[in-house]
Amino acid sequence: MDWLILGLAVATFFSTLIGGTLAIKFKRALPYFFAFAAGSLIAVTFFDLLPESLELASNVSLSTRYIMVAVVASFVFYSVLEKYFLIHHHDEEEGHGHIMGPIGAGSLVVHSFLDGAAIGASYRVNPAIGVVVAFAVIFHDFTDGINTVTLMLKNNQRVKNATMFLLADSLAPILGIAVTCLLVIGQAVLAVILGVFAGEFIYIGAVNLLPETYKNPNWKTVFTTVLAILLIFTLTSFIK
C-alpha cells in the first residue's frame, strides 16, 4: 500500500469537512458565504474547468465548438430547470426546500470525485506531480465544502441534508483516487463533462448565488467575492 497517496486522500476528506462545518456553524455569516461561493464557483470555471476542458479537447483533436455547446447547453438546461421548479415546485412552502440545492451540491460532489481522479491519475504518472496536484486540490476542497453547504442552505434545505451532502463531498475525492486504479475515462468524454460543469457553475455562481449578495450591499461582501476569486486563481496556478 502506498501510504503517501492514502495520506493525501485522507487530507482531502478533512479539508472538505472542515470547510463545510464552518459554513454550518456560522450560519449568521451566510451572506458572506454566498459571496465567497459565488466568486469561487465563477473563478473555478474560468481558471480551472474551461482551460482543462479545452486542453483535453485539443489533445484528442476535438473541436472546441463541442465544448462551447456543452457549456451553453448546460447553462440553459439549469436555467430552465430552476424556472420550472420555481413555477411548479411548492415544497418550499412545506419546509422541504428547493430542489436546486441538492442539484448544485450533487454536482460539486461529482466535481470533487473528478478532483480525486486527477490526483490519482497524475500520481500514477509521476508521484511528485501527483503531490503538487493533491495539495492544490486539498486547499481547493476547503472551498468546496463551504460551497456545498452554502448551496443547500441558500435553497432552504435542512442542516441535516446539508451535512449529508458535505459528507458525500468529503468522501468523493477518496473514491476518485481509488477509481483511477481501476478505470480510465476517455479524454474526449472528460472534456465534454468538464464543459457541462462549467456551464452549470456559471449559472449557479452568477445567477443563483451572486444576486444574494445584492441583499447585503456593503464592501465586506464585495471583498469576500474578490477574495474567493483571488484564492482560486492562486490555487489553480499551482497545477498549471
Protein backbone atom coordinates (compact mmCIF):
# COMPACT_ATOMS: atom_id res chain seq x y z
CA MET A 1 0.00 0.00 0.00
CA ASP A 2 1.27 3.49 -0.89
CA TRP A 3 0.92 5.40 2.38
CA LEU A 4 1.60 8.77 0.73
CA ILE A 5 -1.39 8.65 -1.63
CA LEU A 6 -3.51 7.30 1.23
CA GLY A 7 -2.48 10.25 3.39
CA LEU A 8 -3.30 12.71 0.62
CA ALA A 9 -6.73 11.11 0.21
CA VAL A 10 -7.45 11.47 3.93
CA ALA A 11 -6.31 15.10 3.80
CA THR A 12 -8.84 15.89 1.06
CA PHE A 13 -11.57 14.39 3.26
CA PHE A 14 -10.79 16.57 6.27
CA SER A 15 -10.22 19.70 4.18
CA THR A 16 -13.72 19.47 2.69
CA LEU A 17 -15.29 18.51 6.00
CA ILE A 18 -13.74 21.43 7.89
CA GLY A 19 -14.82 23.97 5.26
CA GLY A 20 -18.41 22.76 5.29
CA THR A 21 -18.54 22.52 9.07
CA LEU A 22 -17.52 26.17 9.38
CA ALA A 23 -20.32 27.14 6.97
CA ILE A 24 -22.85 25.25 9.12
CA LYS A 25 -21.57 26.61 12.43
CA PHE A 26 -21.52 30.23 11.35
CA LYS A 27 -24.88 30.40 9.60
CA ARG A 28 -25.29 34.04 10.61
CA ALA A 29 -22.48 34.82 8.20
CA LEU A 30 -24.34 33.19 5.27
CA PRO A 31 -24.35 36.39 3.13
CA TYR A 32 -20.57 36.26 3.14
CA PHE A 33 -20.54 32.55 2.40
CA PHE A 34 -22.88 33.30 -0.54
CA ALA A 35 -20.41 35.91 -1.78
CA PHE A 36 -17.47 33.55 -1.31
CA ALA A 37 -19.24 30.66 -3.04
CA ALA A 38 -20.29 32.85 -5.98
CA GLY A 39 -16.76 34.13 -6.52
CA SER A 40 -15.13 30.74 -6.13
CA LEU A 41 -17.54 28.91 -8.47
CA ILE A 42 -17.13 31.52 -11.20
CA ALA A 43 -13.35 31.52 -10.72
CA VAL A 44 -13.12 27.71 -10.78
CA THR A 45 -15.00 27.76 -14.08
CA PHE A 46 -12.66 30.16 -15.86
CA PHE A 47 -9.36 29.31 -14.18
CA ASP A 48 -9.77 25.54 -13.92
CA LEU A 49 -12.68 23.78 -15.65
CA LEU A 50 -12.74 25.57 -19.02
CA PRO A 51 -8.95 25.65 -19.56
CA GLU A 52 -8.71 21.96 -18.62
CA SER A 53 -11.65 21.06 -20.86
CA LEU A 54 -10.18 22.93 -23.84
CA GLU A 55 -6.75 21.39 -23.27
CA LEU A 56 -8.20 17.87 -23.19
CA ALA A 57 -10.21 18.60 -26.34
CA SER A 58 -7.06 19.81 -28.08
CA ASN A 59 -5.18 16.65 -27.09
CA VAL A 60 -7.72 14.46 -28.90
CA SER A 61 -8.43 16.90 -31.76
CA LEU A 62 -11.97 17.51 -30.53
CA SER A 63 -13.41 20.77 -31.86
CA THR A 64 -13.69 23.47 -29.19
CA ARG A 65 -17.15 24.14 -30.60
CA TYR A 66 -18.39 20.96 -28.91
CA ILE A 67 -17.09 22.24 -25.58
CA MET A 68 -18.82 25.61 -26.06
CA VAL A 69 -22.05 23.84 -26.98
CA ALA A 70 -21.77 21.78 -23.78
CA VAL A 71 -21.24 24.96 -21.73
CA VAL A 72 -24.18 26.83 -23.24
CA ALA A 73 -26.48 23.78 -23.21
CA SER A 74 -25.68 23.19 -19.54
CA PHE A 75 -26.32 26.83 -18.64
CA VAL A 76 -29.66 26.83 -20.47
CA PHE A 77 -30.65 23.45 -19.03
CA TYR A 78 -30.13 24.52 -15.41
CA SER A 79 -31.82 27.83 -16.09
CA VAL A 80 -34.92 26.10 -17.49
CA LEU A 81 -34.79 23.51 -14.71
CA GLU A 82 -34.80 26.12 -11.97
CA LYS A 83 -37.54 28.17 -13.65
CA TYR A 84 -39.64 25.01 -13.91
CA PHE A 85 -39.35 24.28 -10.22
CA LEU A 86 -39.96 27.92 -9.32
CA ILE A 87 -43.29 27.66 -11.16
CA HIS A 88 -44.36 24.13 -10.25
CA HIS A 89 -42.49 23.24 -7.08
CA HIS A 90 -44.36 24.03 -3.86
CA ASP A 91 -42.33 22.00 -1.38
CA GLU A 92 -40.61 25.12 -0.06
CA GLU A 93 -43.90 26.16 1.45
CA GLU A 94 -43.98 22.80 3.25
CA GLY A 95 -40.45 23.19 4.58
CA HIS A 96 -38.66 20.82 2.20
CA GLY A 97 -36.51 23.38 0.41
CA HIS A 98 -35.78 23.98 -3.24
CA ILE A 99 -34.54 21.18 -5.49
CA MET A 100 -31.68 23.33 -6.84
CA GLY A 101 -29.86 22.84 -3.54
CA PRO A 102 -29.32 19.09 -3.99
CA ILE A 103 -28.71 19.53 -7.72
CA GLY A 104 -25.95 22.10 -7.17
CA ALA A 105 -24.43 20.29 -4.20
CA GLY A 106 -24.59 16.98 -6.07
CA SER A 107 -22.65 18.48 -8.95
CA LEU A 108 -19.97 19.65 -6.53
CA VAL A 109 -19.74 16.08 -5.25
CA VAL A 110 -19.11 14.84 -8.79
CA HIS A 111 -16.58 17.63 -9.30
CA SER A 112 -14.79 16.54 -6.12
CA PHE A 113 -14.75 12.98 -7.45
CA LEU A 114 -13.01 14.21 -10.60
CA ASP A 115 -10.54 16.16 -8.45
CA GLY A 116 -9.68 12.90 -6.72
CA ALA A 117 -9.33 11.18 -10.09
CA ALA A 118 -6.93 13.95 -11.14
CA ILE A 119 -4.80 13.27 -8.07
CA GLY A 120 -4.76 9.53 -8.68
CA ALA A 121 -4.02 9.80 -12.40
CA SER A 122 -1.23 12.35 -12.00
CA TYR A 123 0.29 10.36 -9.12
CA ARG A 124 0.43 7.24 -11.28
CA VAL A 125 2.31 9.17 -13.98
CA ASN A 126 4.68 10.97 -11.59
CA PRO A 127 4.36 10.92 -7.78
CA ALA A 128 5.96 14.39 -7.49
CA ILE A 129 3.36 15.92 -9.82
CA GLY A 130 0.65 13.99 -8.02
CA VAL A 131 1.65 15.56 -4.70
CA VAL A 132 1.54 19.09 -6.18
CA VAL A 133 -1.90 18.44 -7.67
CA ALA A 134 -3.05 16.93 -4.38
CA PHE A 135 -2.05 19.97 -2.32
CA ALA A 136 -3.86 22.29 -4.74
CA VAL A 137 -6.96 20.08 -4.53
CA ILE A 138 -6.73 19.85 -0.73
CA PHE A 139 -6.84 23.64 -0.35
CA HIS A 140 -9.49 23.89 -3.05
CA ASP A 141 -11.62 21.24 -1.29
CA PHE A 142 -11.90 23.55 1.70
CA THR A 143 -13.87 25.96 -0.51
CA ASP A 144 -15.81 23.04 -1.98
CA GLY A 145 -17.03 22.15 1.49
CA ILE A 146 -18.18 25.73 2.02
CA ASN A 147 -19.88 25.83 -1.37
CA THR A 148 -21.70 22.54 -0.85
CA VAL A 149 -23.22 23.63 2.45
CA THR A 150 -23.92 27.15 1.20
CA LEU A 151 -25.86 25.90 -1.81
CA MET A 152 -28.01 23.67 0.38
CA LEU A 153 -28.75 26.33 2.99
CA LYS A 154 -29.36 29.03 0.39
CA ASN A 155 -32.09 26.84 -1.10
CA ASN A 156 -33.75 26.34 2.30
CA GLN A 157 -32.55 22.78 2.76
CA ARG A 158 -32.26 21.41 6.28
CA VAL A 159 -28.90 21.36 8.04
CA LYS A 160 -29.19 17.57 8.24
CA ASN A 161 -29.44 17.33 4.43
CA ALA A 162 -26.57 19.79 4.01
CA THR A 163 -24.45 17.63 6.33
CA MET A 164 -25.22 14.51 4.27
CA PHE A 165 -24.07 16.21 1.07
CA LEU A 166 -21.00 17.56 2.87
CA LEU A 167 -20.06 14.02 3.91
CA ALA A 168 -20.56 12.80 0.34
CA ASP A 169 -18.41 15.68 -0.96
CA SER A 170 -15.72 14.81 1.59
CA LEU A 171 -15.64 11.15 0.52
CA ALA A 172 -15.80 11.86 -3.24
CA PRO A 173 -12.07 12.65 -3.77
CA ILE A 174 -11.09 9.44 -1.96
CA LEU A 175 -13.38 7.47 -4.26
CA GLY A 176 -11.96 9.30 -7.28
CA ILE A 177 -8.42 8.35 -6.28
CA ALA A 178 -9.46 4.72 -5.82
CA VAL A 179 -11.30 4.52 -9.15
CA THR A 180 -8.26 5.72 -11.12
CA CYS A 181 -6.66 2.41 -10.17
CA LEU A 182 -9.46 0.54 -11.96
CA LEU A 183 -10.92 2.79 -14.66
CA VAL A 184 -9.65 5.34 -17.17
CA ILE A 185 -12.08 7.96 -18.55
CA GLY A 186 -11.51 8.95 -22.18
CA GLN A 187 -10.19 12.48 -22.66
CA ALA A 188 -12.93 13.44 -25.13
CA VAL A 189 -15.66 12.36 -22.70
CA LEU A 190 -13.96 14.10 -19.80
CA ALA A 191 -13.58 17.31 -21.83
CA VAL A 192 -17.32 17.44 -22.50
CA ILE A 193 -18.15 16.60 -18.87
CA LEU A 194 -15.99 19.49 -17.68
CA GLY A 195 -17.75 21.76 -20.19
CA VAL A 196 -21.09 20.76 -18.70
CA PHE A 197 -19.80 21.57 -15.21
CA ALA A 198 -18.55 24.93 -16.46
CA GLY A 199 -21.99 25.92 -17.74
CA GLU A 200 -23.65 24.82 -14.52
CA PHE A 201 -21.17 26.57 -12.24
CA ILE A 202 -21.51 29.81 -14.22
CA TYR A 203 -25.26 29.61 -13.74
CA ILE A 204 -25.11 28.75 -10.04
CA GLY A 205 -22.45 31.35 -9.27
CA ALA A 206 -23.69 34.25 -11.39
CA VAL A 207 -27.47 33.69 -11.40
CA ASN A 208 -28.21 31.73 -8.23
CA LEU A 209 -25.70 32.95 -5.65
CA LEU A 210 -24.38 36.36 -6.74
CA PRO A 211 -27.83 38.07 -6.58
CA GLU A 212 -28.00 37.03 -2.92
CA THR A 213 -25.07 39.35 -2.21
CA TYR A 214 -27.11 42.29 -3.51
CA LYS A 215 -29.33 41.94 -0.44
CA ASN A 216 -26.33 42.97 1.66
CA PRO A 217 -24.73 45.72 -0.43
CA ASN A 218 -21.59 46.53 1.54
CA TRP A 219 -17.87 46.44 0.94
CA LYS A 220 -17.48 43.23 3.00
CA THR A 221 -19.49 41.09 0.56
CA VAL A 222 -17.63 42.62 -2.39
CA PHE A 223 -14.31 41.96 -0.65
CA THR A 224 -15.33 38.35 0.09
CA THR A 225 -16.23 37.71 -3.56
CA VAL A 226 -12.94 39.20 -4.79
CA LEU A 227 -11.02 37.26 -2.12
CA ALA A 228 -12.58 33.99 -3.33
CA ILE A 229 -11.61 34.76 -6.93
CA LEU A 230 -8.02 35.59 -5.96
CA LEU A 231 -7.79 32.46 -3.81
CA ILE A 232 -8.97 30.15 -6.60
CA PHE A 233 -6.69 31.90 -9.07
CA THR A 234 -3.73 31.29 -6.76
CA LEU A 235 -4.59 27.66 -6.07
CA THR A 236 -5.19 26.76 -9.70
CA SER A 237 -1.92 28.44 -10.70
CA PHE A 238 -0.03 25.71 -8.85
CA ILE A 239 -1.34 22.95 -11.12
CA LYS A 240 -0.94 24.69 -14.49
